[in-house]
PDB file of N, CA and C in Angstrom:
ATOM      1  N   MET A   1     -26.472   7.471 -41.737  1.00  0.00           N
ATOM      2  CA  MET A   1     -25.691   8.492 -41.044  1.00  0.00           C
ATOM      3  C   MET A   1     -25.360   8.046 -39.624  1.00  0.00           C
ATOM      4  N   LYS A   2     -26.321   7.376 -38.971  1.00  0.00           N
ATOM      5  CA  LYS A   2     -26.124   6.909 -37.605  1.00  0.00           C
ATOM      6  C   LYS A   2     -24.946   5.932 -37.540  1.00  0.00           C
ATOM      7  N   LEU A   3     -24.877   5.012 -38.495  1.00  0.00           N
ATOM      8  CA  LEU A   3     -23.780   4.037 -38.513  1.00  0.00           C
ATOM      9  C   LEU A   3     -22.441   4.715 -38.789  1.00  0.00           C
ATOM     10  N   PHE A   4     -22.434   5.757 -39.633  1.00  0.00           N
ATOM     11  CA  PHE A   4     -21.206   6.495 -39.907  1.00  0.00           C
ATOM     12  C   PHE A   4     -20.674   7.140 -38.633  1.00  0.00           C
ATOM     13  N   ILE A   5     -21.547   7.763 -37.860  1.00  0.00           N
ATOM     14  CA  ILE A   5     -21.140   8.417 -36.608  1.00  0.00           C
ATOM     15  C   ILE A   5     -20.615   7.388 -35.609  1.00  0.00           C
ATOM     16  N   ILE A   6     -21.303   6.236 -35.524  1.00  0.00           N
ATOM     17  CA  ILE A   6     -20.828   5.161 -34.647  1.00  0.00           C
ATOM     18  C   ILE A   6     -19.440   4.711 -35.089  1.00  0.00           C
ATOM     19  N   GLY A   7     -19.258   4.543 -36.402  1.00  0.00           N
ATOM     20  CA  GLY A   7     -17.952   4.155 -36.935  1.00  0.00           C
ATOM     21  C   GLY A   7     -16.880   5.198 -36.673  1.00  0.00           C
ATOM     22  N   LEU A   8     -17.240   6.464 -36.821  1.00  0.00           N
ATOM     23  CA  LEU A   8     -16.294   7.556 -36.576  1.00  0.00           C
ATOM     24  C   LEU A   8     -15.824   7.557 -35.123  1.00  0.00           C
ATOM     25  N   LEU A   9     -16.762   7.473 -34.190  1.00  0.00           N
ATOM     26  CA  LEU A   9     -16.403   7.453 -32.769  1.00  0.00           C
ATOM     27  C   LEU A   9     -15.566   6.217 -32.429  1.00  0.00           C
ATOM     28  N   SER A  10     -15.953   5.091 -32.995  1.00  0.00           N
ATOM     29  CA  SER A  10     -15.206   3.858 -32.770  1.00  0.00           C
ATOM     30  C   SER A  10     -13.785   3.980 -33.323  1.00  0.00           C
ATOM     31  N   GLY A  11     -13.656   4.596 -34.490  1.00  0.00           N
ATOM     32  CA  GLY A  11     -12.340   4.781 -35.099  1.00  0.00           C
ATOM     33  C   GLY A  11     -11.442   5.695 -34.283  1.00  0.00           C
ATOM     34  N   VAL A  12     -12.016   6.768 -33.750  1.00  0.00           N
ATOM     35  CA  VAL A  12     -11.230   7.686 -32.913  1.00  0.00           C
ATOM     36  C   VAL A  12     -10.713   6.952 -31.675  1.00  0.00           C
ATOM     37  N   ILE A  13     -11.595   6.200 -31.025  1.00  0.00           N
ATOM     38  CA  ILE A  13     -11.201   5.448 -29.829  1.00  0.00           C
ATOM     39  C   ILE A  13     -10.152   4.386 -30.189  1.00  0.00           C
ATOM     40  N   SER A  14     -10.339   3.711 -31.326  1.00  0.00           N
ATOM     41  CA  SER A  14      -9.364   2.701 -31.766  1.00  0.00           C
ATOM     42  C   SER A  14      -8.007   3.330 -32.034  1.00  0.00           C
ATOM     43  N   GLY A  15      -8.011   4.469 -32.705  1.00  0.00           N
ATOM     44  CA  GLY A  15      -6.760   5.154 -33.012  1.00  0.00           C
ATOM     45  C   GLY A  15      -5.998   5.566 -31.772  1.00  0.00           C
ATOM     46  N   MET A  16      -6.728   5.792 -30.697  1.00  0.00           N
ATOM     47  CA  MET A  16      -6.091   6.156 -29.433  1.00  0.00           C
ATOM     48  C   MET A  16      -5.551   4.921 -28.707  1.00  0.00           C
ATOM     49  N   GLY A  17      -5.869   3.735 -29.243  1.00  0.00           N
ATOM     50  CA  GLY A  17      -5.390   2.499 -28.632  1.00  0.00           C
ATOM     51  C   GLY A  17      -6.254   1.992 -27.496  1.00  0.00           C
ATOM     52  N   ILE A  18      -7.436   2.541 -27.355  1.00  0.00           N
ATOM     53  CA  ILE A  18      -8.315   2.165 -26.247  1.00  0.00           C
ATOM     54  C   ILE A  18      -9.164   0.961 -26.610  1.00  0.00           C
ATOM     55  N   GLY A  19      -9.565   0.860 -27.858  1.00  0.00           N
ATOM     56  CA  GLY A  19     -10.399  -0.249 -28.303  1.00  0.00           C
ATOM     57  C   GLY A  19     -11.760   0.241 -28.746  1.00  0.00           C
ATOM     58  N   GLY A  20     -11.928   0.359 -30.034  1.00  0.00           N
ATOM     59  CA  GLY A  20     -13.175   0.877 -30.587  1.00  0.00           C
ATOM     60  C   GLY A  20     -14.373   0.002 -30.313  1.00  0.00           C
ATOM     61  N   GLY A  21     -14.132  -1.273 -30.018  1.00  0.00           N
ATOM     62  CA  GLY A  21     -15.231  -2.184 -29.717  1.00  0.00           C
ATOM     63  C   GLY A  21     -16.024  -1.765 -28.502  1.00  0.00           C
ATOM     64  N   THR A  22     -15.398  -1.003 -27.616  1.00  0.00           N
ATOM     65  CA  THR A  22     -16.109  -0.537 -26.425  1.00  0.00           C
ATOM     66  C   THR A  22     -17.225   0.433 -26.799  1.00  0.00           C
ATOM     67  N   ILE A  23     -17.084   1.087 -27.937  1.00  0.00           N
ATOM     68  CA  ILE A  23     -18.120   1.983 -28.457  1.00  0.00           C
ATOM     69  C   ILE A  23     -18.971   1.248 -29.484  1.00  0.00           C
ATOM     70  N   LEU A  24     -18.301   0.542 -30.385  1.00  0.00           N
ATOM     71  CA  LEU A  24     -18.986  -0.051 -31.529  1.00  0.00           C
ATOM     72  C   LEU A  24     -19.972  -1.145 -31.137  1.00  0.00           C
ATOM     73  N   ILE A  25     -19.573  -2.079 -30.314  1.00  0.00           N
ATOM     74  CA  ILE A  25     -20.438  -3.217 -29.992  1.00  0.00           C
ATOM     75  C   ILE A  25     -21.715  -2.782 -29.277  1.00  0.00           C
ATOM     76  N   PRO A  26     -21.627  -2.032 -28.183  1.00  0.00           N
ATOM     77  CA  PRO A  26     -22.888  -1.605 -27.549  1.00  0.00           C
ATOM     78  C   PRO A  26     -23.754  -0.748 -28.474  1.00  0.00           C
ATOM     79  N   SER A  27     -23.120   0.114 -29.268  1.00  0.00           N
ATOM     80  CA  SER A  27     -23.886   0.971 -30.182  1.00  0.00           C
ATOM     81  C   SER A  27     -24.632   0.145 -31.214  1.00  0.00           C
ATOM     82  N   LEU A  28     -23.989  -0.865 -31.765  1.00  0.00           N
ATOM     83  CA  LEU A  28     -24.656  -1.712 -32.759  1.00  0.00           C
ATOM     84  C   LEU A  28     -25.807  -2.501 -32.144  1.00  0.00           C
ATOM     85  N   VAL A  29     -25.608  -2.965 -30.923  1.00  0.00           N
ATOM     86  CA  VAL A  29     -26.670  -3.731 -30.256  1.00  0.00           C
ATOM     87  C   VAL A  29     -27.861  -2.826 -29.946  1.00  0.00           C
ATOM     88  N   PHE A  30     -27.601  -1.615 -29.476  1.00  0.00           N
ATOM     89  CA  PHE A  30     -28.687  -0.712 -29.086  1.00  0.00           C
ATOM     90  C   PHE A  30     -29.368  -0.037 -30.272  1.00  0.00           C
ATOM     91  N   PHE A  31     -28.617   0.303 -31.318  1.00  0.00           N
ATOM     92  CA  PHE A  31     -29.156   1.114 -32.407  1.00  0.00           C
ATOM     93  C   PHE A  31     -29.382   0.346 -33.711  1.00  0.00           C
ATOM     94  N   SER A  32     -29.282  -0.971 -33.677  1.00  0.00           N
ATOM     95  CA  SER A  32     -29.580  -1.788 -34.851  1.00  0.00           C
ATOM     96  C   SER A  32     -30.268  -3.067 -34.386  1.00  0.00           C
ATOM     97  N   ASN A  33     -30.562  -3.933 -35.299  1.00  0.00           N
ATOM     98  CA  ASN A  33     -31.224  -5.186 -34.957  1.00  0.00           C
ATOM     99  C   ASN A  33     -30.233  -6.340 -34.805  1.00  0.00           C
ATOM    100  N   LEU A  34     -28.979  -6.035 -34.595  1.00  0.00           N
ATOM    101  CA  LEU A  34     -27.963  -7.077 -34.495  1.00  0.00           C
ATOM    102  C   LEU A  34     -27.952  -7.725 -33.114  1.00  0.00           C
ATOM    103  N   LYS A  35     -27.704  -9.023 -33.092  1.00  0.00           N
ATOM    104  CA  LYS A  35     -27.490  -9.724 -31.831  1.00  0.00           C
ATOM    105  C   LYS A  35     -26.052  -9.444 -31.375  1.00  0.00           C
ATOM    106  N   GLN A  36     -25.776  -9.753 -30.123  1.00  0.00           N
ATOM    107  CA  GLN A  36     -24.453  -9.505 -29.558  1.00  0.00           C
ATOM    108  C   GLN A  36     -23.351 -10.179 -30.387  1.00  0.00           C
ATOM    109  N   GLN A  37     -23.537 -11.450 -30.756  1.00  0.00           N
ATOM    110  CA  GLN A  37     -22.524 -12.164 -31.537  1.00  0.00           C
ATOM    111  C   GLN A  37     -22.301 -11.502 -32.897  1.00  0.00           C
ATOM    112  N   GLN A  38     -23.380 -11.022 -33.525  1.00  0.00           N
ATOM    113  CA  GLN A  38     -23.249 -10.356 -34.814  1.00  0.00           C
ATOM    114  C   GLN A  38     -22.500  -9.035 -34.671  1.00  0.00           C
ATOM    115  N   ALA A  39     -22.791  -8.301 -33.612  1.00  0.00           N
ATOM    116  CA  ALA A  39     -22.094  -7.036 -33.367  1.00  0.00           C
ATOM    117  C   ALA A  39     -20.612  -7.289 -33.117  1.00  0.00           C
ATOM    118  N   GLN A  40     -20.302  -8.330 -32.377  1.00  0.00           N
ATOM    119  CA  GLN A  40     -18.900  -8.660 -32.112  1.00  0.00           C
ATOM    120  C   GLN A  40     -18.201  -9.101 -33.391  1.00  0.00           C
ATOM    121  N   GLY A  41     -18.882  -9.872 -34.234  1.00  0.00           N
ATOM    122  CA  GLY A  41     -18.299 -10.273 -35.513  1.00  0.00           C
ATOM    123  C   GLY A  41     -18.042  -9.075 -36.408  1.00  0.00           C
ATOM    124  N   LEU A  42     -18.998  -8.162 -36.479  1.00  0.00           N
ATOM    125  CA  LEU A  42     -18.825  -6.950 -37.275  1.00  0.00           C
ATOM    126  C   LEU A  42     -17.700  -6.094 -36.711  1.00  0.00           C
ATOM    127  N   ASN A  43     -17.600  -6.042 -35.396  1.00  0.00           N
ATOM    128  CA  ASN A  43     -16.507  -5.311 -34.758  1.00  0.00           C
ATOM    129  C   ASN A  43     -15.157  -5.841 -35.229  1.00  0.00           C
ATOM    130  N   LEU A  44     -15.049  -7.146 -35.367  1.00  0.00           N
ATOM    131  CA  LEU A  44     -13.782  -7.733 -35.822  1.00  0.00           C
ATOM    132  C   LEU A  44     -13.476  -7.341 -37.264  1.00  0.00           C
ATOM    133  N   MET A  45     -14.513  -7.274 -38.105  1.00  0.00           N
ATOM    134  CA  MET A  45     -14.311  -6.851 -39.496  1.00  0.00           C
ATOM    135  C   MET A  45     -13.885  -5.381 -39.561  1.00  0.00           C
ATOM    136  N   VAL A  46     -14.493  -4.552 -38.740  1.00  0.00           N
ATOM    137  CA  VAL A  46     -14.156  -3.122 -38.700  1.00  0.00           C
ATOM    138  C   VAL A  46     -12.756  -2.934 -38.126  1.00  0.00           C
ATOM    139  N   PHE A  47     -12.398  -3.781 -37.186  1.00  0.00           N
ATOM    140  CA  PHE A  47     -11.111  -3.669 -36.505  1.00  0.00           C
ATOM    141  C   PHE A  47      -9.929  -3.773 -37.466  1.00  0.00           C
ATOM    142  N   LEU A  48     -10.026  -4.648 -38.460  1.00  0.00           N
ATOM    143  CA  LEU A  48      -8.880  -4.888 -39.343  1.00  0.00           C
ATOM    144  C   LEU A  48      -8.376  -3.632 -40.057  1.00  0.00           C
ATOM    145  N   PRO A  49      -9.208  -2.917 -40.819  1.00  0.00           N
ATOM    146  CA  PRO A  49      -8.681  -1.718 -41.482  1.00  0.00           C
ATOM    147  C   PRO A  49      -8.353  -0.587 -40.513  1.00  0.00           C
ATOM    148  N   VAL A  50      -9.164  -0.435 -39.466  1.00  0.00           N
ATOM    149  CA  VAL A  50      -8.918   0.634 -38.489  1.00  0.00           C
ATOM    150  C   VAL A  50      -7.600   0.382 -37.763  1.00  0.00           C
ATOM    151  N   ALA A  51      -7.373  -0.855 -37.360  1.00  0.00           N
ATOM    152  CA  ALA A  51      -6.136  -1.199 -36.659  1.00  0.00           C
ATOM    153  C   ALA A  51      -4.921  -1.041 -37.572  1.00  0.00           C
ATOM    154  N   THR A  52      -5.084  -1.347 -38.841  1.00  0.00           N
ATOM    155  CA  THR A  52      -3.972  -1.191 -39.785  1.00  0.00           C
ATOM    156  C   THR A  52      -3.542   0.267 -39.873  1.00  0.00           C
ATOM    157  N   VAL A  53      -4.500   1.159 -40.003  1.00  0.00           N
ATOM    158  CA  VAL A  53      -4.181   2.590 -40.067  1.00  0.00           C
ATOM    159  C   VAL A  53      -3.539   3.053 -38.762  1.00  0.00           C
ATOM    160  N   ALA A  54      -4.123   2.676 -37.634  1.00  0.00           N
ATOM    161  CA  ALA A  54      -3.568   3.078 -36.337  1.00  0.00           C
ATOM    162  C   ALA A  54      -2.170   2.504 -36.143  1.00  0.00           C
ATOM    163  N   LEU A  55      -1.955   1.274 -36.576  1.00  0.00           N
ATOM    164  CA  LEU A  55      -0.640   0.646 -36.460  1.00  0.00           C
ATOM    165  C   LEU A  55       0.417   1.415 -37.247  1.00  0.00           C
ATOM    166  N   ILE A  56       0.075   1.833 -38.459  1.00  0.00           N
ATOM    167  CA  ILE A  56       1.006   2.609 -39.279  1.00  0.00           C
ATOM    168  C   ILE A  56       1.371   3.921 -38.581  1.00  0.00           C
ATOM    169  N   VAL A  57       0.376   4.620 -38.064  1.00  0.00           N
ATOM    170  CA  VAL A  57       0.627   5.896 -37.377  1.00  0.00           C
ATOM    171  C   VAL A  57       1.508   5.677 -36.150  1.00  0.00           C
ATOM    172  N   HIS A  58       1.174   4.685 -35.326  1.00  0.00           N
ATOM    173  CA  HIS A  58       1.951   4.434 -34.110  1.00  0.00           C
ATOM    174  C   HIS A  58       3.356   3.921 -34.438  1.00  0.00           C
ATOM    175  N   PHE A  59       3.507   3.163 -35.518  1.00  0.00           N
ATOM    176  CA  PHE A  59       4.832   2.703 -35.944  1.00  0.00           C
ATOM    177  C   PHE A  59       5.704   3.893 -36.335  1.00  0.00           C
ATOM    178  N   ARG A  60       5.131   4.803 -37.106  1.00  0.00           N
ATOM    179  CA  ARG A  60       5.873   6.003 -37.525  1.00  0.00           C
ATOM    180  C   ARG A  60       6.297   6.864 -36.340  1.00  0.00           C
ATOM    181  N   GLU A  61       5.497   6.859 -35.291  1.00  0.00           N
ATOM    182  CA  GLU A  61       5.800   7.652 -34.097  1.00  0.00           C
ATOM    183  C   GLU A  61       6.721   6.922 -33.118  1.00  0.00           C
ATOM    184  N   GLY A  62       7.067   5.673 -33.415  1.00  0.00           N
ATOM    185  CA  GLY A  62       7.959   4.906 -32.544  1.00  0.00           C
ATOM    186  C   GLY A  62       7.302   4.414 -31.272  1.00  0.00           C
ATOM    187  N   ASN A  63       6.010   4.175 -31.321  1.00  0.00           N
ATOM    188  CA  ASN A  63       5.264   3.775 -30.127  1.00  0.00           C
ATOM    189  C   ASN A  63       5.122   2.268 -29.964  1.00  0.00           C
ATOM    190  N   ILE A  64       5.843   1.480 -30.737  1.00  0.00           N
ATOM    191  CA  ILE A  64       5.677   0.026 -30.687  1.00  0.00           C
ATOM    192  C   ILE A  64       6.950  -0.614 -30.140  1.00  0.00           C
ATOM    193  N   GLU A  65       6.803  -1.410 -29.105  1.00  0.00           N
ATOM    194  CA  GLU A  65       7.923  -2.162 -28.519  1.00  0.00           C
ATOM    195  C   GLU A  65       7.879  -3.586 -29.075  1.00  0.00           C
ATOM    196  N   PHE A  66       8.678  -3.856 -30.099  1.00  0.00           N
ATOM    197  CA  PHE A  66       8.619  -5.133 -30.796  1.00  0.00           C
ATOM    198  C   PHE A  66       9.035  -6.323 -29.937  1.00  0.00           C
ATOM    199  N   GLN A  67       9.803  -6.095 -28.893  1.00  0.00           N
ATOM    200  CA  GLN A  67      10.248  -7.207 -28.045  1.00  0.00           C
ATOM    201  C   GLN A  67       9.080  -7.889 -27.344  1.00  0.00           C
ATOM    202  N   TYR A  68       7.970  -7.187 -27.152  1.00  0.00           N
ATOM    203  CA  TYR A  68       6.794  -7.749 -26.494  1.00  0.00           C
ATOM    204  C   TYR A  68       5.798  -8.335 -27.496  1.00  0.00           C
ATOM    205  N   ALA A  69       5.889  -7.903 -28.732  1.00  0.00           N
ATOM    206  CA  ALA A  69       4.854  -8.212 -29.724  1.00  0.00           C
ATOM    207  C   ALA A  69       4.647  -9.704 -29.955  1.00  0.00           C
ATOM    208  N   LYS A  70       5.718 -10.491 -30.097  1.00  0.00           N
ATOM    209  CA  LYS A  70       5.536 -11.907 -30.447  1.00  0.00           C
ATOM    210  C   LYS A  70       4.772 -12.664 -29.359  1.00  0.00           C
ATOM    211  N   TRP A  71       5.030 -12.336 -28.097  1.00  0.00           N
ATOM    212  CA  TRP A  71       4.336 -13.024 -27.004  1.00  0.00           C
ATOM    213  C   TRP A  71       2.877 -12.585 -26.915  1.00  0.00           C
ATOM    214  N   ILE A  72       2.658 -11.303 -27.075  1.00  0.00           N
ATOM    215  CA  ILE A  72       1.295 -10.785 -26.998  1.00  0.00           C
ATOM    216  C   ILE A  72       0.462 -11.291 -28.176  1.00  0.00           C
ATOM    217  N   ILE A  73       1.053 -11.288 -29.366  1.00  0.00           N
ATOM    218  CA  ILE A  73       0.338 -11.773 -30.551  1.00  0.00           C
ATOM    219  C   ILE A  73       0.030 -13.259 -30.416  1.00  0.00           C
ATOM    220  N   SER A  74       1.001 -14.044 -29.966  1.00  0.00           N
ATOM    221  CA  SER A  74       0.779 -15.488 -29.795  1.00  0.00           C
ATOM    222  C   SER A  74      -0.350 -15.749 -28.799  1.00  0.00           C
ATOM    223  N   GLY A  75      -0.302 -15.106 -27.659  1.00  0.00           N
ATOM    224  CA  GLY A  75      -1.358 -15.265 -26.664  1.00  0.00           C
ATOM    225  C   GLY A  75      -2.693 -14.759 -27.178  1.00  0.00           C
ATOM    226  N   GLY A  76      -2.671 -13.662 -27.918  1.00  0.00           N
ATOM    227  CA  GLY A  76      -3.897 -13.099 -28.468  1.00  0.00           C
ATOM    228  C   GLY A  76      -4.564 -14.021 -29.475  1.00  0.00           C
ATOM    229  N   ILE A  77      -3.777 -14.676 -30.308  1.00  0.00           N
ATOM    230  CA  ILE A  77      -4.342 -15.603 -31.293  1.00  0.00           C
ATOM    231  C   ILE A  77      -4.996 -16.788 -30.598  1.00  0.00           C
ATOM    232  N   ILE A  78      -4.305 -17.356 -29.639  1.00  0.00           N
ATOM    233  CA  ILE A  78      -4.868 -18.488 -28.891  1.00  0.00           C
ATOM    234  C   ILE A  78      -6.133 -18.052 -28.149  1.00  0.00           C
ATOM    235  N   GLY A  79      -6.071 -16.906 -27.495  1.00  0.00           N
ATOM    236  CA  GLY A  79      -7.228 -16.390 -26.779  1.00  0.00           C
ATOM    237  C   GLY A  79      -8.396 -16.079 -27.698  1.00  0.00           C
ATOM    238  N   ALA A  80      -8.116 -15.588 -28.916  1.00  0.00           N
ATOM    239  CA  ALA A  80      -9.185 -15.280 -29.870  1.00  0.00           C
ATOM    240  C   ALA A  80      -9.920 -16.538 -30.312  1.00  0.00           C
ATOM    241  N   VAL A  81      -9.177 -17.607 -30.522  1.00  0.00           N
ATOM    242  CA  VAL A  81      -9.823 -18.870 -30.906  1.00  0.00           C
ATOM    243  C   VAL A  81     -10.721 -19.356 -29.770  1.00  0.00           C
ATOM    244  N   ILE A  82     -10.187 -19.374 -28.563  1.00  0.00           N
ATOM    245  CA  ILE A  82     -10.964 -19.830 -27.402  1.00  0.00           C
ATOM    246  C   ILE A  82     -12.176 -18.929 -27.182  1.00  0.00           C
ATOM    247  N   GLY A  83     -11.967 -17.619 -27.209  1.00  0.00           N
ATOM    248  CA  GLY A  83     -13.064 -16.674 -26.987  1.00  0.00           C
ATOM    249  C   GLY A  83     -14.141 -16.765 -28.050  1.00  0.00           C
ATOM    250  N   SER A  84     -13.760 -16.956 -29.310  1.00  0.00           N
ATOM    251  CA  SER A  84     -14.746 -17.087 -30.389  1.00  0.00           C
ATOM    252  C   SER A  84     -15.613 -18.312 -30.199  1.00  0.00           C
ATOM    253  N   ILE A  85     -14.990 -19.414 -29.835  1.00  0.00           N
ATOM    254  CA  ILE A  85     -15.742 -20.651 -29.607  1.00  0.00           C
ATOM    255  C   ILE A  85     -16.725 -20.459 -28.451  1.00  0.00           C
ATOM    256  N   ILE A  86     -16.247 -19.846 -27.375  1.00  0.00           N
ATOM    257  CA  ILE A  86     -17.119 -19.609 -26.210  1.00  0.00           C
ATOM    258  C   ILE A  86     -18.269 -18.669 -26.582  1.00  0.00           C
ATOM    259  N   ALA A  87     -17.962 -17.577 -27.294  1.00  0.00           N
ATOM    260  CA  ALA A  87     -18.982 -16.582 -27.644  1.00  0.00           C
ATOM    261  C   ALA A  87     -20.089 -17.180 -28.502  1.00  0.00           C
ATOM    262  N   LEU A  88     -19.740 -18.113 -29.371  1.00  0.00           N
ATOM    263  CA  LEU A  88     -20.749 -18.722 -30.239  1.00  0.00           C
ATOM    264  C   LEU A  88     -21.648 -19.699 -29.499  1.00  0.00           C
ATOM    265  N   LYS A  89     -21.183 -20.184 -28.354  1.00  0.00           N
ATOM    266  CA  LYS A  89     -21.956 -21.161 -27.591  1.00  0.00           C
ATOM    267  C   LYS A  89     -22.825 -20.516 -26.507  1.00  0.00           C
ATOM    268  N   ILE A  90     -22.597 -19.236 -26.230  1.00  0.00           N
ATOM    269  CA  ILE A  90     -23.322 -18.549 -25.163  1.00  0.00           C
ATOM    270  C   ILE A  90     -24.581 -17.898 -25.730  1.00  0.00           C
ATOM    271  N   ASN A  91     -25.642 -17.913 -24.958  1.00  0.00           N
ATOM    272  CA  ASN A  91     -26.885 -17.232 -25.293  1.00  0.00           C
ATOM    273  C   ASN A  91     -26.595 -15.749 -25.519  1.00  0.00           C
ATOM    274  N   PRO A  92     -27.120 -15.128 -26.603  1.00  0.00           N
ATOM    275  CA  PRO A  92     -26.835 -13.714 -26.884  1.00  0.00           C
ATOM    276  C   PRO A  92     -27.164 -12.773 -25.726  1.00  0.00           C
ATOM    277  N   THR A  93     -28.243 -13.031 -25.009  1.00  0.00           N
ATOM    278  CA  THR A  93     -28.611 -12.173 -23.881  1.00  0.00           C
ATOM    279  C   THR A  93     -27.574 -12.280 -22.764  1.00  0.00           C
ATOM    280  N   SER A  94     -27.138 -13.490 -22.474  1.00  0.00           N
ATOM    281  CA  SER A  94     -26.109 -13.682 -21.445  1.00  0.00           C
ATOM    282  C   SER A  94     -24.799 -13.042 -21.874  1.00  0.00           C
ATOM    283  N   LEU A  95     -24.439 -13.208 -23.154  1.00  0.00           N
ATOM    284  CA  LEU A  95     -23.196 -12.626 -23.654  1.00  0.00           C
ATOM    285  C   LEU A  95     -23.230 -11.110 -23.538  1.00  0.00           C
ATOM    286  N   LYS A  96     -24.383 -10.521 -23.819  1.00  0.00           N
ATOM    287  CA  LYS A  96     -24.537  -9.068 -23.692  1.00  0.00           C
ATOM    288  C   LYS A  96     -24.308  -8.634 -22.246  1.00  0.00           C
ATOM    289  N   LYS A  97     -24.842  -9.399 -21.303  1.00  0.00           N
ATOM    290  CA  LYS A  97     -24.660  -9.079 -19.885  1.00  0.00           C
ATOM    291  C   LYS A  97     -23.191  -9.217 -19.476  1.00  0.00           C
ATOM    292  N   TYR A  98     -22.544 -10.295 -19.908  1.00  0.00           N
ATOM    293  CA  TYR A  98     -21.126 -10.496 -19.574  1.00  0.00           C
ATOM    294  C   TYR A  98     -20.265  -9.370 -20.141  1.00  0.00           C
ATOM    295  N   PHE A  99     -20.577  -8.963 -21.368  1.00  0.00           N
ATOM    296  CA  PHE A  99     -19.825  -7.880 -21.993  1.00  0.00           C
ATOM    297  C   PHE A  99     -20.046  -6.575 -21.227  1.00  0.00           C
ATOM    298  N   GLY A 100     -21.283  -6.325 -20.819  1.00  0.00           N
ATOM    299  CA  GLY A 100     -21.593  -5.129 -20.035  1.00  0.00           C
ATOM    300  C   GLY A 100     -20.861  -5.114 -18.704  1.00  0.00           C
ATOM    301  N   ILE A 101     -20.812  -6.252 -18.041  1.00  0.00           N
ATOM    302  CA  ILE A 101     -20.091  -6.354 -16.764  1.00  0.00           C
ATOM    303  C   ILE A 101     -18.607  -6.093 -16.983  1.00  0.00           C
ATOM    304  N   PHE A 102     -18.061  -6.661 -18.067  1.00  0.00           N
ATOM    305  CA  PHE A 102     -16.655  -6.431 -18.404  1.00  0.00           C
ATOM    306  C   PHE A 102     -16.390  -4.939 -18.608  1.00  0.00           C
ATOM    307  N   LEU A 103     -17.242  -4.280 -19.385  1.00  0.00           N
ATOM    308  CA  LEU A 103     -17.066  -2.842 -19.623  1.00  0.00           C
ATOM    309  C   LEU A 103     -17.194  -2.042 -18.337  1.00  0.00           C
ATOM    310  N   LEU A 104     -18.094  -2.451 -17.460  1.00  0.00           N
ATOM    311  CA  LEU A 104     -18.252  -1.780 -16.169  1.00  0.00           C
ATOM    312  C   LEU A 104     -16.959  -1.860 -15.363  1.00  0.00           C
ATOM    313  N   PHE A 105     -16.370  -3.048 -15.283  1.00  0.00           N
ATOM    314  CA  PHE A 105     -15.116  -3.206 -14.537  1.00  0.00           C
ATOM    315  C   PHE A 105     -13.974  -2.406 -15.167  1.00  0.00           C
ATOM    316  N   VAL A 106     -13.909  -2.399 -16.488  1.00  0.00           N
ATOM    317  CA  VAL A 106     -12.876  -1.610 -17.170  1.00  0.00           C
ATOM    318  C   VAL A 106     -13.075  -0.124 -16.861  1.00  0.00           C
ATOM    319  N   GLY A 107     -14.326   0.336 -16.903  1.00  0.00           N
ATOM    320  CA  GLY A 107     -14.618   1.733 -16.599  1.00  0.00           C
ATOM    321  C   GLY A 107     -14.253   2.112 -15.178  1.00  0.00           C
ATOM    322  N   ILE A 108     -14.595   1.265 -14.226  1.00  0.00           N
ATOM    323  CA  ILE A 108     -14.249   1.521 -12.821  1.00  0.00           C
ATOM    324  C   ILE A 108     -12.733   1.561 -12.652  1.00  0.00           C
ATOM    325  N   TYR A 109     -12.051   0.616 -13.272  1.00  0.00           N
ATOM    326  CA  TYR A 109     -10.584   0.580 -13.200  1.00  0.00           C
ATOM    327  C   TYR A 109      -9.992   1.887 -13.735  1.00  0.00           C
ATOM    328  N   GLU A 110     -10.484   2.317 -14.891  1.00  0.00           N
ATOM    329  CA  GLU A 110      -9.965   3.545 -15.489  1.00  0.00           C
ATOM    330  C   GLU A 110     -10.258   4.767 -14.622  1.00  0.00           C
ATOM    331  N   LEU A 111     -11.429   4.821 -14.017  1.00  0.00           N
ATOM    332  CA  LEU A 111     -11.749   5.941 -13.139  1.00  0.00           C
ATOM    333  C   LEU A 111     -10.863   6.007 -11.905  1.00  0.00           C
ATOM    334  N   LEU A 112     -10.449   4.857 -11.416  1.00  0.00           N
ATOM    335  CA  LEU A 112      -9.648   4.812 -10.185  1.00  0.00           C
ATOM    336  C   LEU A 112      -8.138   4.994 -10.421  1.00  0.00           C
ATOM    337  N   GLN A 113      -7.728   4.967 -11.678  1.00  0.00           N
ATOM    338  CA  GLN A 113      -6.305   5.131 -11.982  1.00  0.00           C
ATOM    339  C   GLN A 113      -5.880   6.580 -11.774  1.00  0.00           C
ATOM    340  N   LYS A 114      -4.658   6.736 -11.315  1.00  0.00           N
ATOM    341  CA  LYS A 114      -4.107   8.085 -11.199  1.00  0.00           C
ATOM    342  C   LYS A 114      -3.765   8.593 -12.588  1.00  0.00           C
ATOM    343  N   VAL A 115      -3.933   9.862 -12.801  1.00  0.00           N
ATOM    344  CA  VAL A 115      -3.554  10.466 -14.071  1.00  0.00           C
ATOM    345  C   VAL A 115      -2.050  10.689 -14.039  1.00  0.00           C
ATOM    346  N   GLU A 116      -1.377  10.056 -15.012  1.00  0.00           N
ATOM    347  CA  GLU A 116       0.087  10.193 -15.103  1.00  0.00           C
ATOM    348  C   GLU A 116       0.457  10.762 -16.468  1.00  0.00           C
ATOM    349  N   ASP A 117       1.317  11.734 -16.462  1.00  0.00           N
ATOM    350  CA  ASP A 117       1.787  12.336 -17.730  1.00  0.00           C
ATOM    351  C   ASP A 117       3.141  11.843 -18.086  1.00  0.00           C
TER     352      ASP A 117
END
């Protein structure tokens, strides 16, 4: 049941376009016996079906600007290869700290943004 709730919260955040990994990865590390790399790998497996559903919904709503997609996808693929190689070479404890620092900066950035409608 605990994993279902973690998945549900991660899915809601993913559907909003925020990134379910921000919920899923720390939750898996804290509430299971997974190492950081394993949690990140599982996050990628969960991401595929969740992102597909969210993509369909956002496509139907006209929320996708295709003119940007090819550049973002190309950069994302290259970055994913580089990031995966780096993540596998880093000590799990250090990777957990780096991920936490990243989330902290993202959180601070979001808190300081003006609310725009």
